[in-house]
């Protein structure tokens, strides 16, 4: 993110704006966080939903270890760790892990499809703060909503008596000061953070997408999307290449993550493709809740004006681009929702952290893609998830004998000064 006081910049395009935030401490400190929260205006009439509570655990990494800034500068180089065609028995038609997970699903965690329009309505009139990040190996640009801005919105909703954001989400977001709880099993699955492996995934996608003009995949799914940086990267590249007629599916355990992180990031990536004059016109909307005297555009801030959001949905309709949002637990019922969407590219990052989830990810990949010739899955993960049981080697051991004979599997190490990571590629 550029220094405060400069113009907002999307990939080289700038739009004039005066910065409204002066911070009291270095970026990322509690003093900085408190100052940002205090100065952000609140907005009314927000709707979300509630979940229950369950046990909490952390992976044992610090916020600095998992921050977007750290991930953006980590040096990487690729080296092959495993390459094998799956010369193994064809997969069974029904896979047990999905049926076992289905037994644990409650009314609150059942998978649900949400309309993009209903989510956008909860964001109307907000001034959203974002950061620009670069992928570690290829320097690909991405944009993600700032964590302090998410916390600010939730605090405003709670103070204004919004009926559905309340205790659980606010408790998770505020429990760690200027960070956030990593995981709360069966309640919250880490979607408010941008995890390191999502940046590795973007580097892997850069070669697959190219300039977007010859990209063959038409139904792209990101499982456990959270900030959805990989899928948003694909979305932006396809828009820039004037592609049309494709579907993007975003799946996260929490509706609140889809609403507060995924969709805002999607809108910001779309806005980054607009020219400065168009962006200025769409965000100069005096009918919004924002102070009429406030600057239209600030450094790394974007006003989600009614005109901007209408232009976003209009372009999706004009290009026949479908956005599907799915919350809830993975299981047989989730697979029944996903399969009719005919995915041919499935992306997932940091989702194989535990043995039961690892098996579900593998089985979802197989059942969803095995009937689609040429379809592909990319799985980005750390080699080990200490204390919770998942690992890349366990994932490979589970999925390899279950793949159909024609499928191929390749795992590539990502060299890093931090935790060891890999990208697993499967082609059907």
Protein backbone atom coordinates (compact mmCIF):
# COMPACT_ATOMS: atom_id res chain seq x y z
CA UNK A 1 0.00 0.00 0.00
CA UNK A 2 1.32 3.42 -0.94
CA UNK A 3 2.04 6.14 1.61
CA UNK A 4 -0.92 8.14 2.88
CA UNK A 5 -1.32 11.43 1.10
CA UNK A 6 -0.86 10.08 -2.41
CA UNK A 7 -3.51 9.34 -4.99
CA UNK A 8 -5.37 6.05 -5.00
CA UNK A 9 -3.88 3.80 -7.64
CA UNK A 10 -5.34 0.69 -9.30
CA UNK A 11 -2.63 -0.99 -11.38
CA UNK A 12 -1.20 2.26 -12.69
CA UNK A 13 -4.48 4.17 -13.02
CA UNK A 14 -4.85 7.05 -10.54
CA UNK A 15 -7.78 9.15 -9.46
CA UNK A 16 -7.38 12.38 -7.54
CA UNK A 17 -8.27 12.24 -3.88
CA UNK A 18 -7.44 13.84 -0.56
CA UNK A 19 -6.47 11.55 2.29
CA UNK A 20 -8.73 11.75 5.32
CA UNK A 21 -6.89 9.52 7.81
CA UNK A 22 -3.95 10.57 9.97
CA UNK A 23 -2.58 7.75 12.06
CA UNK A 24 -1.13 7.88 15.57
CA UNK A 25 1.26 4.94 15.34
CA UNK A 26 3.05 2.66 12.87
CA UNK A 27 0.85 0.61 10.56
CA UNK A 28 -0.34 -2.60 12.24
CA UNK A 29 0.11 -1.41 15.85
CA UNK A 30 -2.79 -1.25 18.28
CA UNK A 31 -2.48 2.57 18.36
CA UNK A 32 -2.81 2.64 14.59
CA UNK A 33 -5.79 0.26 14.67
CA UNK A 34 -7.59 2.29 17.36
CA UNK A 35 -7.05 5.52 15.44
CA UNK A 36 -8.42 4.04 12.22
CA UNK A 37 -11.49 2.64 13.98
CA UNK A 38 -12.18 5.96 15.68
CA UNK A 39 -12.04 7.98 12.48
CA UNK A 40 -14.13 5.71 10.24
CA UNK A 41 -17.78 6.83 9.94
CA UNK A 42 -20.52 4.30 10.62
CA UNK A 43 -23.38 3.46 8.30
CA UNK A 44 -26.81 2.10 9.14
CA UNK A 45 -29.11 -0.64 7.88
CA UNK A 46 -26.74 -3.59 7.60
CA UNK A 47 -28.00 -7.17 7.54
CA UNK A 48 -26.03 -10.37 8.11
CA UNK A 49 -26.69 -13.57 10.07
CA UNK A 50 -25.72 -15.23 13.36
CA UNK A 51 -23.96 -18.47 14.17
CA UNK A 52 -23.39 -20.25 17.47
CA UNK A 53 -20.16 -20.70 19.44
CA UNK A 54 -17.70 -23.59 19.68
CA UNK A 55 -14.13 -24.24 20.77
CA UNK A 56 -11.33 -22.04 19.48
CA UNK A 57 -7.76 -22.93 18.56
CA UNK A 58 -4.85 -21.24 16.82
CA UNK A 59 -2.23 -22.70 14.51
CA UNK A 60 0.50 -21.14 16.64
CA UNK A 61 1.58 -18.58 14.03
CA UNK A 62 1.74 -14.89 14.89
CA UNK A 63 -0.25 -12.27 13.01
CA UNK A 64 3.02 -11.10 11.47
CA UNK A 65 3.68 -14.63 10.17
CA UNK A 66 0.33 -14.64 8.39
CA UNK A 67 -0.01 -10.99 7.41
CA UNK A 68 -0.54 -9.99 3.82
CA UNK A 69 2.54 -7.77 3.91
CA UNK A 70 4.76 -10.69 4.97
CA UNK A 71 3.26 -12.96 2.31
CA UNK A 72 3.78 -10.29 -0.31
CA UNK A 73 7.55 -10.08 0.18
CA UNK A 74 8.44 -13.70 0.91
CA UNK A 75 10.94 -14.99 -1.65
CA UNK A 76 9.84 -18.12 -3.48
CA UNK A 77 11.09 -20.49 -6.09
CA UNK A 78 9.45 -23.64 -7.34
CA UNK A 79 10.94 -27.09 -7.22
CA UNK A 80 9.21 -30.33 -8.02
CA UNK A 81 8.56 -32.53 -4.99
CA UNK A 82 6.30 -35.12 -6.58
CA UNK A 83 4.92 -35.90 -10.01
CA UNK A 84 2.83 -38.95 -10.72
CA UNK A 85 0.02 -40.08 -12.92
CA UNK A 86 -2.58 -41.82 -10.83
CA UNK A 87 -2.07 -45.40 -11.98
CA UNK A 88 -4.47 -46.55 -9.30
CA UNK A 89 -7.99 -47.93 -9.01
CA UNK A 90 -10.75 -45.67 -10.24
CA UNK A 91 -12.48 -43.68 -7.53
CA UNK A 92 -15.63 -44.97 -5.96
CA UNK A 93 -18.85 -43.26 -6.99
CA UNK A 94 -19.69 -42.20 -3.44
CA UNK A 95 -16.98 -41.14 -1.02
CA UNK A 96 -17.43 -41.67 2.69
CA UNK A 97 -16.01 -38.43 4.09
CA UNK A 98 -18.82 -36.32 2.61
CA UNK A 99 -21.46 -38.61 4.07
CA UNK A 100 -19.75 -38.56 7.46
CA UNK A 101 -19.56 -34.76 7.47
CA UNK A 102 -23.21 -34.59 6.44
CA UNK A 103 -24.13 -36.24 9.74
CA UNK A 104 -22.57 -33.32 11.66
CA UNK A 105 -24.44 -30.57 9.81
CA UNK A 106 -26.98 -28.56 11.79
CA UNK A 107 -29.62 -26.08 10.70
CA UNK A 108 -27.13 -23.26 11.29
CA UNK A 109 -24.29 -24.88 9.33
CA UNK A 110 -26.29 -26.30 6.41
CA UNK A 111 -25.08 -25.05 3.01
CA UNK A 112 -27.04 -22.13 1.59
CA UNK A 113 -26.89 -20.18 -1.66
CA UNK A 114 -27.00 -16.39 -1.30
CA UNK A 115 -27.80 -13.85 -3.98
CA UNK A 116 -25.10 -11.35 -4.87
CA UNK A 117 -27.69 -8.57 -4.85
CA UNK A 118 -28.68 -9.21 -1.23
CA UNK A 119 -25.05 -9.05 -0.13
CA UNK A 120 -24.34 -5.88 -2.10
CA UNK A 121 -27.32 -4.21 -0.42
CA UNK A 122 -25.56 -4.56 2.96
CA UNK A 123 -22.50 -2.76 1.56
CA UNK A 124 -24.27 0.16 -0.09
CA UNK A 125 -22.85 3.54 0.91
CA UNK A 126 -19.78 2.16 2.69
CA UNK A 127 -16.33 3.63 2.19
CA UNK A 128 -14.15 0.51 2.08
CA UNK A 129 -10.44 0.58 2.94
CA UNK A 130 -8.25 -1.84 1.03
CA UNK A 131 -4.60 -2.77 0.55
CA UNK A 132 -2.75 -3.64 -2.61
CA UNK A 133 -0.58 -6.76 -2.42
CA UNK A 134 1.81 -8.50 -4.78
CA UNK A 135 2.26 -12.24 -5.23
CA UNK A 136 5.67 -13.36 -3.95
CA UNK A 137 7.13 -14.94 -7.08
CA UNK A 138 5.62 -13.16 -10.08
CA UNK A 139 4.53 -9.84 -8.58
CA UNK A 140 0.89 -10.20 -9.62
CA UNK A 141 -1.38 -7.48 -8.21
CA UNK A 142 -4.23 -8.23 -5.80
CA UNK A 143 -6.49 -6.13 -3.61
CA UNK A 144 -7.97 -7.09 -0.25
CA UNK A 145 -10.17 -5.31 2.23
CA UNK A 146 -8.29 -4.23 5.36
CA UNK A 147 -9.00 -6.16 8.55
CA UNK A 148 -9.44 -2.97 10.58
CA UNK A 149 -12.12 -1.87 8.13
CA UNK A 150 -14.01 -5.15 8.54
CA UNK A 151 -13.84 -4.75 12.31
CA UNK A 152 -15.08 -1.19 12.05
CA UNK A 153 -18.12 -2.22 10.01
CA UNK A 154 -19.03 -4.95 12.51
CA UNK A 155 -18.65 -2.53 15.43
CA UNK A 156 -20.93 -0.03 13.71
CA UNK A 157 -23.54 -2.67 12.97
CA UNK A 158 -23.51 -3.83 16.58
CA UNK A 159 -23.75 -0.31 18.00
CA UNK A 160 -26.60 0.55 15.64
CA UNK A 161 -28.61 -2.49 16.72
CA UNK A 162 -28.34 -4.54 13.53
CA UNK A 163 -30.19 -7.76 14.25
CA UNK A 164 -27.80 -10.31 12.80
CA UNK A 165 -24.13 -9.33 13.07
CA UNK A 166 -23.92 -9.26 16.86
CA UNK A 167 -21.98 -11.23 19.41
CA UNK A 168 -20.33 -14.16 17.67
CA UNK A 169 -18.68 -12.30 14.78
CA UNK A 170 -17.77 -9.27 16.87
CA UNK A 171 -16.32 -11.55 19.54
CA UNK A 172 -14.15 -13.36 17.00
CA UNK A 173 -12.93 -10.19 15.36
CA UNK A 174 -12.20 -8.30 18.57
CA UNK A 175 -10.78 -11.16 20.66
CA UNK A 176 -7.27 -10.76 19.24
CA UNK A 177 -6.86 -6.97 19.43
CA UNK A 178 -5.66 -5.94 15.97
CA UNK A 179 -5.64 -9.58 14.78
CA UNK A 180 -8.38 -12.21 14.64
CA UNK A 181 -8.95 -15.75 15.93
CA UNK A 182 -7.51 -18.27 13.43
CA UNK A 183 -10.13 -21.02 13.58
CA UNK A 184 -13.25 -21.83 15.60
CA UNK A 185 -14.19 -25.30 14.41
CA UNK A 186 -17.77 -25.67 13.18
CA UNK A 187 -18.32 -21.95 13.74
CA UNK A 188 -15.64 -19.95 11.89
CA UNK A 189 -13.06 -21.30 9.44
CA UNK A 190 -10.48 -18.51 9.20
CA UNK A 191 -11.98 -16.49 6.35
CA UNK A 192 -11.15 -13.03 7.72
CA UNK A 193 -7.42 -13.60 7.16
CA UNK A 194 -5.56 -13.70 3.87
CA UNK A 195 -3.42 -16.81 4.28
CA UNK A 196 0.04 -17.22 2.77
CA UNK A 197 -0.83 -20.03 0.38
CA UNK A 198 -3.45 -17.93 -1.40
CA UNK A 199 -0.57 -15.80 -2.71
CA UNK A 200 1.22 -18.93 -3.93
CA UNK A 201 -2.00 -19.88 -5.70
CA UNK A 202 -2.05 -16.55 -7.55
CA UNK A 203 1.48 -17.19 -8.81
CA UNK A 204 0.37 -20.62 -10.03
CA UNK A 205 -2.69 -19.11 -11.72
CA UNK A 206 -0.65 -16.45 -13.50
CA UNK A 207 0.74 -19.04 -15.89
CA UNK A 208 -2.60 -20.79 -16.30
CA UNK A 209 -4.60 -17.63 -17.01
CA UNK A 210 -1.99 -15.82 -19.10
CA UNK A 211 -3.49 -12.63 -20.47
CA UNK A 212 -6.95 -14.21 -20.19
CA UNK A 213 -7.65 -14.25 -23.92
CA UNK A 214 -7.29 -18.03 -24.29
CA UNK A 215 -8.46 -19.10 -20.84
CA UNK A 216 -10.60 -22.21 -21.40
CA UNK A 217 -12.34 -22.64 -18.04
CA UNK A 218 -15.92 -21.41 -17.75
CA UNK A 219 -16.98 -22.40 -14.23
CA UNK A 220 -14.41 -21.45 -11.59
CA UNK A 221 -14.92 -22.45 -7.95
CA UNK A 222 -12.94 -21.40 -4.90
CA UNK A 223 -13.58 -23.65 -1.89
CA UNK A 224 -13.06 -22.08 1.52
CA UNK A 225 -12.50 -18.81 -0.29
CA UNK A 226 -12.23 -16.27 2.57
CA UNK A 227 -10.63 -13.21 0.99
CA UNK A 228 -10.82 -15.07 -2.36
CA UNK A 229 -7.65 -13.53 -3.73
CA UNK A 230 -7.02 -16.36 -6.24
CA UNK A 231 -10.55 -16.28 -7.69
CA UNK A 232 -10.60 -12.47 -7.65
CA UNK A 233 -7.31 -12.49 -9.55
CA UNK A 234 -8.80 -14.75 -12.23
CA UNK A 235 -11.93 -12.56 -12.34
CA UNK A 236 -9.88 -9.40 -12.88
CA UNK A 237 -7.74 -10.95 -15.61
CA UNK A 238 -10.80 -12.22 -17.48
CA UNK A 239 -12.46 -8.81 -17.25
CA UNK A 240 -9.33 -7.12 -18.57
CA UNK A 241 -9.32 -9.58 -21.49
CA UNK A 242 -12.99 -8.72 -22.26
CA UNK A 243 -14.04 -12.30 -21.58
CA UNK A 244 -17.72 -13.12 -21.08
CA UNK A 245 -20.01 -16.06 -20.41
CA UNK A 246 -18.36 -17.58 -17.34
CA UNK A 247 -19.34 -18.43 -13.77
CA UNK A 248 -17.52 -17.71 -10.50
CA UNK A 249 -18.49 -19.71 -7.41
CA UNK A 250 -17.33 -18.58 -3.96
CA UNK A 251 -17.74 -20.97 -1.05
CA UNK A 252 -16.97 -20.19 2.59
CA UNK A 253 -18.26 -21.71 5.83
CA UNK A 254 -19.44 -18.28 7.02
CA UNK A 255 -21.94 -16.04 5.29
CA UNK A 256 -20.37 -13.13 7.19
CA UNK A 257 -17.03 -13.81 5.49
CA UNK A 258 -18.69 -13.80 2.07
CA UNK A 259 -20.43 -10.53 2.93
CA UNK A 260 -17.63 -8.66 4.69
CA UNK A 261 -14.58 -9.91 2.77
CA UNK A 262 -15.24 -11.94 -0.38
CA UNK A 263 -17.75 -9.69 -2.14
CA UNK A 264 -15.99 -6.41 -1.22
CA UNK A 265 -12.75 -7.82 -2.65
CA UNK A 266 -14.59 -8.86 -5.81
CA UNK A 267 -15.99 -5.35 -6.28
CA UNK A 268 -12.58 -3.76 -5.66
CA UNK A 269 -10.94 -6.02 -8.26
CA UNK A 270 -13.63 -5.06 -10.76
CA UNK A 271 -13.17 -1.36 -9.97
CA UNK A 272 -9.44 -1.72 -10.61
CA UNK A 273 -10.23 -2.38 -14.29
CA UNK A 274 -12.08 0.93 -14.75
CA UNK A 275 -10.49 4.08 -16.11
CA UNK A 276 -10.04 6.95 -13.65
CA UNK A 277 -12.80 9.15 -15.10
CA UNK A 278 -15.40 6.38 -14.97
CA UNK A 279 -14.43 5.41 -11.43
CA UNK A 280 -14.63 9.02 -10.28
CA UNK A 281 -18.07 9.46 -11.83
CA UNK A 282 -19.43 6.27 -10.26
CA UNK A 283 -18.23 7.16 -6.76
CA UNK A 284 -19.35 10.82 -6.78
CA UNK A 285 -22.79 10.08 -5.38
CA UNK A 286 -24.23 12.68 -3.02
CA UNK A 287 -27.19 10.41 -2.16
CA UNK A 288 -24.96 8.01 -0.18
CA UNK A 289 -24.61 8.11 3.59
CA UNK A 290 -21.08 9.48 3.32
CA UNK A 291 -20.48 13.11 4.26
CA UNK A 292 -21.12 15.27 1.19
CA UNK A 293 -17.92 17.20 1.88
CA UNK A 294 -15.74 14.10 2.01
CA UNK A 295 -13.34 13.38 -0.85
CA UNK A 296 -14.80 11.14 -3.53
CA UNK A 297 -11.72 8.91 -3.57
CA UNK A 298 -9.05 8.47 -0.92
CA UNK A 299 -5.75 6.65 -1.05
CA UNK A 300 -6.65 2.95 -0.94
CA UNK A 301 -10.31 3.63 -0.22
CA UNK A 302 -13.31 3.07 -2.45
CA UNK A 303 -16.83 4.38 -1.94
CA UNK A 304 -19.40 1.65 -2.59
CA UNK A 305 -21.91 4.15 -3.93
CA UNK A 306 -25.27 3.04 -5.35
CA UNK A 307 -24.02 4.03 -8.81
CA UNK A 308 -20.85 1.99 -8.45
CA UNK A 309 -22.67 -1.14 -7.29
CA UNK A 310 -25.29 -0.76 -10.04
CA UNK A 311 -22.54 -0.47 -12.65
CA UNK A 312 -20.91 -3.60 -11.22
CA UNK A 313 -24.07 -5.72 -11.53
CA UNK A 314 -24.87 -4.20 -14.94
CA UNK A 315 -21.49 -5.25 -16.31
CA UNK A 316 -21.93 -8.76 -14.95
CA UNK A 317 -25.30 -9.01 -16.68
CA UNK A 318 -23.98 -7.50 -19.93
CA UNK A 319 -21.12 -10.00 -20.06
CA UNK A 320 -23.25 -12.96 -18.91
CA UNK A 321 -21.05 -13.47 -15.85
CA UNK A 322 -22.68 -15.40 -13.03
CA UNK A 323 -21.59 -15.03 -9.39
CA UNK A 324 -22.69 -17.77 -6.97
CA UNK A 325 -22.16 -17.48 -3.19
CA UNK A 326 -22.43 -20.57 -1.00
CA UNK A 327 -22.07 -20.61 2.78
CA UNK A 328 -22.15 -23.55 5.16
CA UNK A 329 -20.47 -26.85 5.85
CA UNK A 330 -19.12 -29.25 3.25
CA UNK A 331 -20.87 -32.58 2.99
CA UNK A 332 -23.15 -34.50 0.66
CA UNK A 333 -25.72 -31.69 0.49
CA UNK A 334 -22.99 -29.19 -0.42
CA UNK A 335 -21.77 -31.48 -3.18
CA UNK A 336 -25.34 -31.66 -4.52
CA UNK A 337 -25.37 -27.86 -4.77
CA UNK A 338 -21.92 -27.65 -6.35
CA UNK A 339 -22.06 -30.38 -9.01
CA UNK A 340 -24.91 -28.88 -11.10
CA UNK A 341 -22.79 -25.73 -11.49
CA UNK A 342 -20.45 -27.88 -13.62
CA UNK A 343 -17.12 -26.59 -12.29
CA UNK A 344 -14.11 -27.14 -14.52
CA UNK A 345 -11.53 -25.27 -12.41
CA UNK A 346 -11.51 -25.75 -8.64
CA UNK A 347 -9.22 -23.68 -6.39
CA UNK A 348 -8.65 -24.09 -2.67
CA UNK A 349 -6.02 -22.71 -0.29
CA UNK A 350 -5.19 -23.68 3.30
CA UNK A 351 -8.23 -25.98 3.59
CA UNK A 352 -6.49 -29.30 4.33
CA UNK A 353 -5.40 -28.35 7.85
CA UNK A 354 -7.19 -31.29 9.56
CA UNK A 355 -7.65 -34.93 8.58
CA UNK A 356 -11.46 -34.89 8.30
CA UNK A 357 -11.49 -31.68 6.26
CA UNK A 358 -8.60 -32.95 4.14
CA UNK A 359 -10.62 -36.01 3.14
CA UNK A 360 -13.67 -33.90 2.32
CA UNK A 361 -11.62 -31.59 0.08
CA UNK A 362 -10.18 -34.58 -1.77
CA UNK A 363 -13.57 -36.23 -2.22
CA UNK A 364 -15.21 -32.99 -3.35
CA UNK A 365 -12.51 -32.56 -5.99
CA UNK A 366 -12.95 -36.10 -7.29
CA UNK A 367 -16.75 -36.17 -7.31
CA UNK A 368 -17.06 -32.70 -8.80
CA UNK A 369 -14.44 -32.92 -11.56
CA UNK A 370 -14.01 -36.56 -12.56
CA UNK A 371 -16.75 -36.46 -15.21
CA UNK A 372 -15.38 -33.31 -16.86
CA UNK A 373 -12.52 -34.03 -19.24
CA UNK A 374 -9.72 -31.47 -18.96
CA UNK A 375 -10.98 -30.06 -15.67
CA UNK A 376 -8.38 -29.04 -13.10
CA UNK A 377 -7.97 -28.53 -9.36
CA UNK A 378 -5.26 -26.54 -7.60
CA UNK A 379 -4.70 -27.07 -3.88
CA UNK A 380 -2.33 -24.75 -2.01
CA UNK A 381 -1.23 -25.74 1.48
CA UNK A 382 1.52 -25.72 4.07
CA UNK A 383 3.41 -28.98 4.42
CA UNK A 384 2.27 -29.37 8.04
CA UNK A 385 -0.43 -27.87 10.25
CA UNK A 386 0.98 -28.38 13.72
CA UNK A 387 -1.53 -29.35 16.37
CA UNK A 388 -4.46 -29.97 14.04
CA UNK A 389 -3.28 -32.92 11.97
CA UNK A 390 -3.36 -31.91 8.31
CA UNK A 391 -0.44 -32.09 5.87
CA UNK A 392 0.30 -32.17 2.17
CA UNK A 393 1.71 -35.70 2.41
CA UNK A 394 -1.47 -36.97 4.08
CA UNK A 395 -3.58 -35.29 1.40
CA UNK A 396 -1.54 -36.94 -1.36
CA UNK A 397 -1.75 -40.31 0.37
CA UNK A 398 -5.52 -39.99 0.64
CA UNK A 399 -6.33 -38.74 -2.85
CA UNK A 400 -3.83 -40.64 -5.02
CA UNK A 401 -5.43 -44.12 -4.78
CA UNK A 402 -8.91 -42.64 -5.26
CA UNK A 403 -8.19 -40.81 -8.52
CA UNK A 404 -9.51 -42.21 -11.80
CA UNK A 405 -6.83 -43.86 -13.92
CA UNK A 406 -6.75 -41.06 -16.49
CA UNK A 407 -6.16 -38.32 -13.91
CA UNK A 408 -2.72 -36.83 -13.30
CA UNK A 409 -1.29 -35.40 -10.10
CA UNK A 410 1.69 -33.12 -9.54
CA UNK A 411 2.91 -31.49 -6.31
CA UNK A 412 5.40 -28.63 -6.43
CA UNK A 413 7.30 -27.17 -3.49
CA UNK A 414 7.34 -23.43 -2.89
CA UNK A 415 10.74 -22.43 -1.52
CA UNK A 416 10.27 -19.90 1.28
CA UNK A 417 12.06 -18.41 4.25
CA UNK A 418 8.97 -19.18 6.27
CA UNK A 419 6.92 -22.37 6.52
CA UNK A 420 7.28 -24.94 3.72
CA UNK A 421 4.37 -24.89 1.28
CA UNK A 422 3.24 -26.70 -1.88
CA UNK A 423 0.85 -26.41 -4.80
CA UNK A 424 -0.89 -29.67 -5.74
CA UNK A 425 -2.26 -29.78 -9.28
CA UNK A 426 -4.78 -32.39 -10.42
CA UNK A 427 -5.99 -32.75 -14.01
CA UNK A 428 -8.91 -34.99 -15.01
